Protein backbone atom coordinates (compact mmCIF):
# COMPACT_ATOMS: atom_id res chain seq x y z
CA MET A 1 -56.39 -19.12 71.26
CA LYS A 2 -55.15 -15.58 70.55
CA LYS A 3 -51.99 -14.41 72.21
CA SER A 4 -52.48 -11.88 75.01
CA LYS A 5 -51.67 -8.35 73.91
CA MET A 6 -49.93 -7.75 77.22
CA THR A 7 -47.46 -10.49 76.30
CA GLU A 8 -46.86 -9.42 72.70
CA ASP A 9 -43.20 -8.75 72.11
CA PHE A 10 -42.09 -5.14 72.17
CA ASN A 11 -41.15 -4.96 68.49
CA SER A 12 -44.57 -6.21 67.42
CA THR A 13 -46.31 -3.47 69.41
CA SER A 14 -44.02 -0.81 68.00
CA GLN A 15 -44.52 -2.01 64.45
CA ARG A 16 -48.32 -1.99 64.86
CA LYS A 17 -48.24 1.63 66.05
CA LYS A 18 -46.08 2.66 63.11
CA GLU A 19 -48.41 0.98 60.64
CA GLN A 20 -51.48 2.60 62.18
CA LEU A 21 -49.89 6.05 62.10
CA GLU A 22 -48.81 5.64 58.49
CA LEU A 23 -52.26 4.50 57.38
CA CYS A 24 -53.93 7.46 59.08
CA LEU A 25 -51.61 9.83 57.24
CA THR A 26 -51.58 8.25 53.80
CA HIS A 27 -54.81 6.26 53.29
CA ASN A 28 -58.49 7.03 53.23
CA VAL A 29 -59.54 5.41 56.49
CA ASN A 30 -62.75 7.38 56.87
CA PHE A 31 -66.10 5.69 57.16
CA LYS A 32 -67.26 4.85 53.63
CA ASP A 33 -71.02 5.39 53.58
CA LYS A 34 -71.88 6.35 57.15
CA THR A 35 -71.44 9.96 58.27
CA SER A 36 -71.23 11.63 61.66
CA GLY A 37 -74.83 12.74 61.16
CA PHE A 38 -74.08 16.45 61.51
CA ASP A 39 -75.14 16.97 57.89
CA TYR A 40 -78.75 16.25 58.94
CA TYR A 41 -78.80 19.34 61.16
CA ASP A 42 -78.87 23.08 60.64
CA PHE A 43 -78.86 26.10 62.94
CA GLU A 44 -81.89 28.16 63.80
CA HIS A 45 -81.20 31.64 62.47
CA TYR A 46 -82.18 34.41 64.90
CA ALA A 47 -82.98 37.51 62.83
CA ILE A 48 -83.08 39.91 65.79
CA THR A 49 -79.73 38.96 67.32
CA GLU A 50 -78.31 41.53 69.72
CA VAL A 51 -75.10 39.64 70.46
CA ASP A 52 -71.90 41.68 70.55
CA ILE A 53 -69.61 39.26 68.75
CA ASP A 54 -66.51 40.80 70.35
CA LYS A 55 -67.80 39.88 73.80
CA ILE A 56 -68.07 36.15 73.12
CA ASP A 57 -65.55 34.42 75.40
CA PHE A 58 -64.77 30.70 75.20
CA THR A 59 -62.76 30.51 78.43
CA THR A 60 -63.92 27.61 80.58
CA PHE A 61 -62.63 24.92 82.95
CA PHE A 62 -61.59 21.37 82.15
CA LEU A 63 -60.45 19.05 84.94
CA LYS A 64 -60.16 22.05 87.29
CA LYS A 65 -57.84 23.97 84.97
CA LYS A 66 -58.81 27.09 83.05
CA ILE A 67 -58.63 26.67 79.27
CA HIS A 68 -59.08 29.26 76.53
CA TYR A 69 -61.10 27.08 74.14
CA PRO A 70 -63.35 24.06 74.82
CA PHE A 71 -61.32 21.93 72.43
CA LEU A 72 -59.27 18.80 73.02
CA ILE A 73 -56.45 17.66 70.76
CA SER A 74 -57.52 14.05 71.00
CA CYS A 75 -55.49 10.95 71.79
CA MET A 76 -53.27 9.95 68.86
CA THR A 77 -49.88 8.34 69.30
CA GLY A 78 -46.99 7.37 71.57
CA GLY A 79 -44.53 4.56 72.12
CA ILE A 80 -42.61 4.89 68.86
CA THR A 81 -39.72 7.12 67.78
CA GLU A 82 -41.92 9.18 65.45
CA ALA A 83 -44.42 9.86 68.25
CA GLU A 84 -42.03 11.96 70.32
CA ASN A 85 -41.68 14.54 67.57
CA ILE A 86 -45.42 14.54 66.83
CA ASN A 87 -46.38 14.85 70.48
CA ALA A 88 -43.83 17.59 71.12
CA ARG A 89 -45.28 19.71 68.33
CA LEU A 90 -48.90 19.06 69.30
CA ALA A 91 -48.10 19.88 72.93
CA ALA A 92 -46.50 23.14 71.81
CA VAL A 93 -49.76 24.09 70.08
CA ALA A 94 -51.86 23.05 73.08
CA GLY A 95 -49.61 25.00 75.42
CA GLU A 96 -49.73 28.15 73.32
CA LEU A 97 -53.51 28.02 72.92
CA ASN A 98 -54.04 26.78 76.49
CA ILE A 99 -56.20 23.82 75.52
CA PRO A 100 -56.16 20.18 76.71
CA ILE A 101 -54.41 17.35 74.91
CA GLY A 102 -54.61 13.57 75.09
CA ILE A 103 -51.83 11.06 74.63
CA GLY A 104 -52.02 7.88 72.58
CA SER A 105 -52.22 4.52 74.30
CA GLN A 106 -49.56 4.17 77.00
CA ARG A 107 -49.66 0.41 76.92
CA GLN A 108 -46.10 0.28 75.71
CA SER A 109 -44.92 1.92 78.95
CA LEU A 110 -46.09 -1.21 80.74
CA GLU A 111 -43.97 -3.37 78.43
CA ASN A 112 -40.85 -1.28 77.91
CA LYS A 113 -39.69 2.12 79.16
CA ASP A 114 -37.55 2.87 76.10
CA PHE A 115 -40.14 5.18 74.56
CA ASN A 116 -41.44 6.85 77.73
CA ASN A 117 -40.11 10.17 76.47
CA SER A 118 -42.65 10.03 73.64
CA TYR A 119 -45.28 10.45 76.38
CA LYS A 120 -43.36 12.61 78.87
CA ILE A 121 -42.67 15.20 76.17
CA LEU A 122 -46.22 16.53 76.50
CA ARG A 123 -45.76 17.79 80.04
CA LYS A 124 -42.29 19.07 79.22
CA GLU A 125 -43.61 21.17 76.34
CA ALA A 126 -46.85 22.23 78.04
CA PRO A 127 -46.38 22.36 81.82
CA SER A 128 -49.72 23.91 82.79
CA ILE A 129 -52.40 22.55 80.47
CA PRO A 130 -54.73 19.58 81.15
CA ILE A 131 -53.16 16.36 79.86
CA LEU A 132 -54.98 13.05 79.53
CA GLY A 133 -53.28 9.67 79.97
CA ASN A 134 -54.60 6.72 77.99
CA ILE A 135 -54.82 2.94 78.26
CA GLY A 136 -57.07 0.38 76.62
CA ALA A 137 -59.96 -1.41 78.30
CA SER A 138 -58.55 -4.79 77.31
CA GLN A 139 -55.29 -4.00 79.12
CA ILE A 140 -57.23 -2.95 82.23
CA ILE A 141 -59.09 -6.25 82.25
CA GLU A 142 -55.85 -8.22 82.03
CA MET A 143 -54.22 -6.41 84.94
CA ASN A 144 -53.94 -8.17 88.27
CA ASN A 145 -52.50 -5.04 89.89
CA LEU A 146 -54.20 -1.73 89.06
CA ASP A 147 -51.28 0.16 90.64
CA HIS A 148 -49.73 -0.05 87.18
CA VAL A 149 -52.35 2.40 85.95
CA GLN A 150 -51.33 5.02 88.50
CA TYR A 151 -47.80 4.66 87.15
CA LEU A 152 -49.09 5.66 83.71
CA VAL A 153 -50.73 8.73 85.22
CA ASP A 154 -47.61 9.68 87.17
CA ILE A 155 -45.07 9.47 84.35
CA ILE A 156 -46.86 12.24 82.43
CA ASP A 157 -48.32 14.07 85.44
CA ALA A 158 -51.77 13.56 83.91
CA ASP A 159 -54.86 15.48 84.98
CA GLY A 160 -57.19 12.73 83.83
CA LEU A 161 -57.06 9.20 82.43
CA VAL A 162 -58.78 7.97 79.29
CA ILE A 163 -59.83 4.35 79.06
CA HIS A 164 -60.42 3.64 75.40
CA LEU A 165 -63.19 1.20 74.60
CA ASN A 166 -62.28 -0.40 71.28
CA ALA A 167 -64.24 -3.64 71.02
CA ALA A 168 -64.58 -3.45 67.23
CA GLN A 169 -60.92 -2.58 66.74
CA GLU A 170 -59.78 -5.46 68.95
CA LEU A 171 -62.14 -7.81 67.13
CA PHE A 172 -60.63 -7.12 63.72
CA GLN A 173 -57.05 -6.37 64.75
CA ASN A 174 -54.43 -8.98 63.91
CA MET A 175 -53.57 -10.53 67.31
CA GLY A 176 -56.25 -8.40 68.94
CA VAL A 177 -57.93 -9.53 72.15
CA PRO A 178 -61.70 -9.00 71.98
CA VAL A 179 -62.20 -10.08 75.59
CA PHE A 180 -64.08 -7.56 77.72
CA SER A 181 -65.71 -9.79 80.33
CA GLY A 182 -65.79 -8.07 83.73
CA LEU A 183 -65.10 -4.62 82.27
CA LEU A 184 -67.57 -2.63 84.40
CA LYS A 185 -66.41 -4.23 87.66
CA LYS A 186 -62.78 -3.53 86.76
CA LEU A 187 -63.59 0.08 85.93
CA GLU A 188 -65.41 0.46 89.23
CA LYS A 189 -62.23 -0.63 91.04
CA LEU A 190 -60.04 1.52 88.83
CA VAL A 191 -61.84 4.83 89.46
CA LYS A 192 -61.28 4.31 93.20
CA LYS A 193 -57.63 3.39 92.68
CA VAL A 194 -56.27 6.25 90.57
CA ASN A 195 -56.02 9.81 91.85
CA VAL A 196 -57.42 11.53 88.73
CA PRO A 197 -60.84 11.49 87.03
CA VAL A 198 -61.38 8.66 84.55
CA ILE A 199 -62.89 9.31 81.12
CA ALA A 200 -64.33 6.56 78.93
CA LYS A 201 -63.71 6.98 75.22
CA GLU A 202 -64.70 4.98 72.18
CA VAL A 203 -62.44 5.02 69.13
CA GLY A 204 -64.98 5.49 66.35
CA ALA A 205 -67.95 3.22 67.01
CA GLY A 206 -69.71 5.54 69.47
CA ILE A 207 -71.06 5.27 73.00
CA SER A 208 -74.82 4.84 73.35
CA ARG A 209 -76.95 6.37 76.08
CA LYS A 210 -77.42 2.94 77.66
CA ALA A 211 -73.68 2.23 77.73
CA ALA A 212 -72.88 5.72 79.02
CA ALA A 213 -75.35 5.33 81.88
CA LYS A 214 -73.65 2.14 83.05
CA LEU A 215 -70.22 3.78 82.81
CA LEU A 216 -71.37 6.77 84.87
CA GLU A 217 -72.93 4.48 87.47
CA VAL A 218 -69.53 2.88 88.20
CA GLY A 219 -67.84 6.24 88.69
CA ILE A 220 -66.63 7.36 85.25
CA LYS A 221 -66.44 11.19 85.21
CA GLY A 222 -66.34 11.85 81.49
CA ILE A 223 -67.73 10.36 78.29
CA ASP A 224 -66.00 10.89 74.95
CA VAL A 225 -68.53 9.47 72.50
CA ALA A 226 -66.02 9.15 69.60
CA GLY A 227 -68.77 8.17 67.22
CA ALA A 228 -68.87 6.99 63.64
CA GLY A 229 -68.14 9.42 60.85
CA GLY A 230 -64.43 10.11 61.15
CA THR A 231 -61.63 7.54 61.20
CA SER A 232 -62.80 3.94 61.08
CA TRP A 233 -60.36 2.04 63.28
CA THR A 234 -62.06 -1.13 62.12
CA GLY A 235 -61.08 -0.01 58.63
CA VAL A 236 -57.51 0.68 59.73
CA GLU A 237 -57.20 -2.85 61.11
CA LEU A 238 -58.81 -4.39 58.04
CA LEU A 239 -56.23 -2.62 55.90
CA ARG A 240 -53.40 -3.76 58.17
CA SER A 241 -54.52 -7.38 58.04
CA LYS A 242 -55.58 -7.22 54.36
CA ASN A 243 -58.81 -8.86 55.47
CA VAL A 244 -61.49 -8.37 52.80
CA ASN A 245 -63.91 -10.91 54.25
CA ASP A 246 -65.02 -8.55 57.03
CA ASP A 247 -65.07 -5.38 54.93
CA HIS A 248 -68.80 -4.95 55.58
CA PHE A 249 -67.88 -4.04 59.19
CA TRP A 250 -65.87 -1.02 58.01
CA ASP A 251 -68.83 1.29 58.72
CA TRP A 252 -69.84 -0.29 62.04
CA GLY A 253 -70.87 2.20 64.69
CA LEU A 254 -73.27 4.88 65.93
CA PRO A 255 -73.06 8.34 64.33
CA THR A 256 -71.45 10.99 66.51
CA SER A 257 -74.43 13.36 66.40
CA TYR A 258 -76.75 10.63 67.65
CA CYS A 259 -74.40 9.70 70.49
CA ILE A 260 -74.00 13.29 71.68
CA LYS A 261 -77.72 13.98 71.56
CA GLU A 262 -78.60 10.81 73.47
CA VAL A 263 -75.77 10.84 76.05
CA SER A 264 -76.39 14.52 76.85
CA LYS A 265 -79.82 13.52 78.23
CA LEU A 266 -78.00 11.81 81.10
CA LYS A 267 -76.95 15.21 82.44
CA LYS A 268 -80.34 15.36 84.11
CA VAL A 269 -79.21 12.68 86.56
CA HIS A 270 -75.39 12.59 86.34
CA LYS A 271 -72.66 15.19 86.56
CA PHE A 272 -70.00 14.48 83.94
CA ILE A 273 -67.98 15.96 81.08
CA LEU A 274 -69.36 15.17 77.65
CA ILE A 275 -66.75 15.23 74.90
CA GLY A 276 -67.95 15.27 71.31
CA SER A 277 -65.58 13.58 68.87
CA GLY A 278 -65.75 11.38 65.81
CA GLY A 279 -65.71 13.11 62.45
CA ILE A 280 -65.27 16.65 63.76
CA LYS A 281 -63.66 17.90 60.55
CA THR A 282 -64.99 21.46 60.21
CA PRO A 283 -65.99 24.35 62.48
CA PHE A 284 -69.63 23.63 61.63
CA ASP A 285 -69.22 20.02 62.83
CA MET A 286 -67.76 21.37 66.06
CA ALA A 287 -70.54 23.92 66.50
CA LYS A 288 -73.20 21.27 65.93
CA ALA A 289 -71.53 19.02 68.50
CA PHE A 290 -71.84 21.85 71.03
CA ALA A 291 -75.43 22.55 70.02
CA LEU A 292 -76.36 18.90 70.54
CA GLY A 293 -74.95 18.93 74.09
CA ALA A 294 -71.16 18.46 74.07
CA ASP A 295 -69.11 20.41 76.63
CA ILE A 296 -65.83 19.91 74.80
CA ALA A 297 -65.16 19.10 71.15
CA ALA A 298 -62.22 16.96 70.06
CA SER A 299 -60.45 16.02 66.85
CA ALA A 300 -57.50 13.81 66.02
CA ARG A 301 -56.89 12.86 62.40
CA VAL A 302 -57.64 16.29 60.90
CA ILE A 303 -55.13 17.73 63.39
CA LEU A 304 -52.53 15.08 62.56
CA GLN A 305 -52.89 15.69 58.84
CA MET A 306 -52.59 19.46 59.28
CA LEU A 307 -49.47 18.96 61.41
CA ASP A 308 -47.97 16.82 58.66
CA LYS A 309 -48.87 19.39 56.01
CA GLU A 310 -48.29 22.78 57.66
CA ASP A 311 -46.58 21.98 60.98
CA ILE A 312 -47.33 23.80 64.24
CA ILE A 313 -48.53 27.04 62.68
CA GLY A 314 -51.06 25.18 60.55
CA VAL A 315 -52.59 23.41 63.53
CA LYS A 316 -52.71 26.58 65.59
CA ASN A 317 -54.38 28.53 62.78
CA LEU A 318 -56.90 25.75 62.16
CA ILE A 319 -58.10 25.71 65.77
CA VAL A 320 -58.21 29.51 66.11
CA ASP A 321 -60.04 29.83 62.78
CA TRP A 322 -62.61 27.24 63.86
CA PHE A 323 -63.48 29.29 66.91
CA GLN A 324 -63.71 32.48 64.84
CA VAL A 325 -66.31 30.69 62.71
CA LEU A 326 -68.05 29.52 65.88
CA LYS A 327 -68.32 33.15 67.03
CA LYS A 328 -70.13 34.00 63.79
CA ILE A 329 -72.50 31.07 64.25
CA MET A 330 -73.24 32.18 67.80
CA PHE A 331 -73.85 35.75 66.63
CA LEU A 332 -76.34 34.53 64.03
CA THR A 333 -78.13 32.29 66.54
CA GLY A 334 -78.28 34.97 69.23
CA THR A 335 -76.07 33.12 71.71
CA TYR A 336 -73.21 34.21 73.96
CA THR A 337 -72.08 30.90 75.47
CA ILE A 338 -71.69 27.25 74.53
CA ASN A 339 -74.54 26.45 76.91
CA ASP A 340 -76.75 29.00 75.14
CA LEU A 341 -75.98 27.27 71.85
CA HIS A 342 -77.50 24.01 73.12
CA ASN A 343 -80.81 23.36 71.36
CA LYS A 344 -80.27 26.13 68.78
CA ILE A 345 -80.19 23.40 66.19
CA ILE A 346 -82.91 21.76 64.16
CA LEU A 347 -83.22 18.84 61.80
CA LYS A 348 -83.09 19.98 58.18
CA GLU A 349 -86.27 18.04 57.45
CA GLU A 350 -88.11 20.40 59.77
CA LEU A 351 -87.28 23.30 57.44
CA HIS A 352 -89.50 21.97 54.67
């Protein structure tokens, strides 16, 4: 019988977070053979474009707050000494660009308050932007009192709460708890308990249309597909445990492009935010995510690596440059808005 993650000792949790962060910075933890699927798509060139590129404006709303770009610095880290410095710098970028940011899992705040500043630093550095709290589905299931979740929201003054769905990661994580029985019923209670919208997010294996529909039916207000093609958290855990027997699961998951395309169809019957993440490594990946139906794009590891390499200015320039490229794509497709860009994409095989 595996030990409950909620009863793991504090040092074990901290050490796991450090190892995960280090692997994401120093090792190739990408999917090996499976891609995000964006490479199968191309944009439909519009030869008679009349778009004034200087009039393209990306300003929109996310969780009732105005943001300058539809881009989320995705959930990464927290609960260790190194995280406070990383989160402070990322929050500074988000605040300057006026874009949303997510925090890494706050599970450690339920175990020990010593590293709460590694989470609180986001609101301190960026007082007005949308901030997303974060806790794992397995921790939600174990909770007898969901009031603890509101505590996680309150300590960072969050505008929304991410519940990360990481079945594959838990399955292959040393001391993981792959027990998700009763998840939908618990989520249904949770969305009524907390005072902010709840967003369901995978961590690299993707959310299918069928799964998204069930999540929306219980009151989830946002879906972050976090599909296959970027960081393989199964791979991260296999490296941590040095488990070669399950290496064939490294590439487990649904490609991000497929998830976005399928989940976006649910907008016909549900009102929700669709976040496209999972292997968003270039401005063209981001643009294709929008074209397939995403409202917001999100990246994590590419941002973390840029922060490590070129600090705050590097991250800021990367995001601004991506949206300058997006403007050019929109000009060439004859579109003024992200919504206009939807469906301006075709499978490459259709070009032959």
